[in-house]
C-alpha atoms as a PDB file:
ATOM      1  CA  MET A   1     -55.296  -0.119  28.820  1.00  0.00           C
ATOM      2  CA  THR A   2     -54.763   2.944  30.433  1.00  0.00           C
ATOM      3  CA  GLN A   3     -53.650   3.487  34.161  1.00  0.00           C
ATOM      4  CA  LYS A   4     -55.545   5.822  36.037  1.00  0.00           C
ATOM      5  CA  ASP A   5     -54.128   8.290  38.833  1.00  0.00           C
ATOM      6  CA  ILE A   6     -54.856   6.902  42.431  1.00  0.00           C
ATOM      7  CA  ARG A   7     -56.567   9.752  43.814  1.00  0.00           C
ATOM      8  CA  VAL A   8     -56.030  10.377  47.575  1.00  0.00           C
ATOM      9  CA  GLY A   9     -57.865  12.821  50.392  1.00  0.00           C
ATOM     10  CA  ILE A  10     -55.985  14.287  53.685  1.00  0.00           C
ATOM     11  CA  VAL A  11     -57.913  15.030  56.653  1.00  0.00           C
ATOM     12  CA  GLY A  12     -56.264  17.587  58.962  1.00  0.00           C
ATOM     13  CA  ALA A  13     -54.418  19.559  55.865  1.00  0.00           C
ATOM     14  CA  ASN A  14     -54.303  22.968  57.212  1.00  0.00           C
ATOM     15  CA  SER A  15     -52.144  25.210  54.933  1.00  0.00           C
ATOM     16  CA  ALA A  16     -50.717  27.142  57.673  1.00  0.00           C
ATOM     17  CA  ALA A  17     -49.481  24.474  60.212  1.00  0.00           C
ATOM     18  CA  SER A  18     -50.112  20.946  59.995  1.00  0.00           C
ATOM     19  CA  TRP A  19     -48.093  17.806  59.822  1.00  0.00           C
ATOM     20  CA  ALA A  20     -49.629  17.188  56.328  1.00  0.00           C
ATOM     21  CA  LYS A  21     -48.039  20.230  54.890  1.00  0.00           C
ATOM     22  CA  ILE A  22     -44.514  19.206  55.894  1.00  0.00           C
ATOM     23  CA  SER A  23     -45.062  15.441  55.299  1.00  0.00           C
ATOM     24  CA  HIS A  24     -47.744  13.805  53.613  1.00  0.00           C
ATOM     25  CA  ILE A  25     -48.524  16.500  50.964  1.00  0.00           C
ATOM     26  CA  PRO A  26     -44.826  16.498  49.492  1.00  0.00           C
ATOM     27  CA  ALA A  27     -44.628  12.771  49.475  1.00  0.00           C
ATOM     28  CA  ILE A  28     -48.130  12.464  47.653  1.00  0.00           C
ATOM     29  CA  GLN A  29     -46.955  15.237  45.100  1.00  0.00           C
ATOM     30  CA  GLY A  30     -43.689  13.224  44.545  1.00  0.00           C
ATOM     31  CA  LEU A  31     -45.402   9.952  43.746  1.00  0.00           C
ATOM     32  CA  ARG A  32     -46.202   9.343  39.903  1.00  0.00           C
ATOM     33  CA  GLY A  33     -49.623   7.962  39.465  1.00  0.00           C
ATOM     34  CA  VAL A  34     -51.024   9.514  42.788  1.00  0.00           C
ATOM     35  CA  LYS A  35     -53.062  12.800  42.934  1.00  0.00           C
ATOM     36  CA  LEU A  36     -54.084  14.630  45.696  1.00  0.00           C
ATOM     37  CA  ALA A  37     -58.013  15.064  45.174  1.00  0.00           C
ATOM     38  CA  ALA A  38     -59.314  16.253  48.233  1.00  0.00           C
ATOM     39  CA  VAL A  39     -58.215  18.152  51.607  1.00  0.00           C
ATOM     40  CA  ALA A  40     -60.436  18.225  54.658  1.00  0.00           C
ATOM     41  CA  THR A  41     -59.758  20.560  57.816  1.00  0.00           C
ATOM     42  CA  ARG A  42     -62.314  21.943  60.730  1.00  0.00           C
ATOM     43  CA  ASN A  43     -64.035  24.738  58.766  1.00  0.00           C
ATOM     44  CA  GLU A  44     -64.644  25.841  55.345  1.00  0.00           C
ATOM     45  CA  GLN A  45     -62.442  28.779  55.141  1.00  0.00           C
ATOM     46  CA  SER A  46     -59.218  26.782  55.982  1.00  0.00           C
ATOM     47  CA  ALA A  47     -60.438  23.832  53.811  1.00  0.00           C
ATOM     48  CA  ARG A  48     -60.742  26.294  50.974  1.00  0.00           C
ATOM     49  CA  GLU A  49     -57.176  27.573  51.496  1.00  0.00           C
ATOM     50  CA  ALA A  50     -55.724  24.297  51.992  1.00  0.00           C
ATOM     51  CA  ALA A  51     -56.920  22.998  48.726  1.00  0.00           C
ATOM     52  CA  ASP A  52     -55.733  26.200  46.871  1.00  0.00           C
ATOM     53  CA  ALA A  53     -52.388  26.001  48.581  1.00  0.00           C
ATOM     54  CA  PHE A  54     -51.828  22.254  47.978  1.00  0.00           C
ATOM     55  CA  GLY A  55     -53.671  21.933  44.595  1.00  0.00           C
ATOM     56  CA  ALA A  56     -56.691  19.583  45.732  1.00  0.00           C
ATOM     57  CA  GLU A  57     -59.619  19.473  43.289  1.00  0.00           C
ATOM     58  CA  ARG A  58     -61.896  19.229  46.209  1.00  0.00           C
ATOM     59  CA  TRP A  59     -62.100  20.507  50.102  1.00  0.00           C
ATOM     60  CA  LEU A  60     -64.542  19.551  52.675  1.00  0.00           C
ATOM     61  CA  PRO A  61     -65.169  20.797  56.198  1.00  0.00           C
ATOM     62  CA  ILE A  62     -65.373  18.279  59.063  1.00  0.00           C
ATOM     63  CA  PRO A  63     -68.663  18.312  60.747  1.00  0.00           C
ATOM     64  CA  SER A  64     -68.639  18.923  64.160  1.00  0.00           C
ATOM     65  CA  ARG A  65     -70.424  16.247  66.469  1.00  0.00           C
END
């Protein structure tokens, strides 16, 4: 049996300044068997930048209400 990585996503993962950048992302990247699969921010541009900066497979803008 093969074990698959646990895939996680972070909401609010701005690459310029966010708690995720200094805490959550490094913790995820340091865990064996855990992979950062997606990041989400308030707009498309910062979501794309965060995915590139953190090595996430996907990015998503958070829709406004």
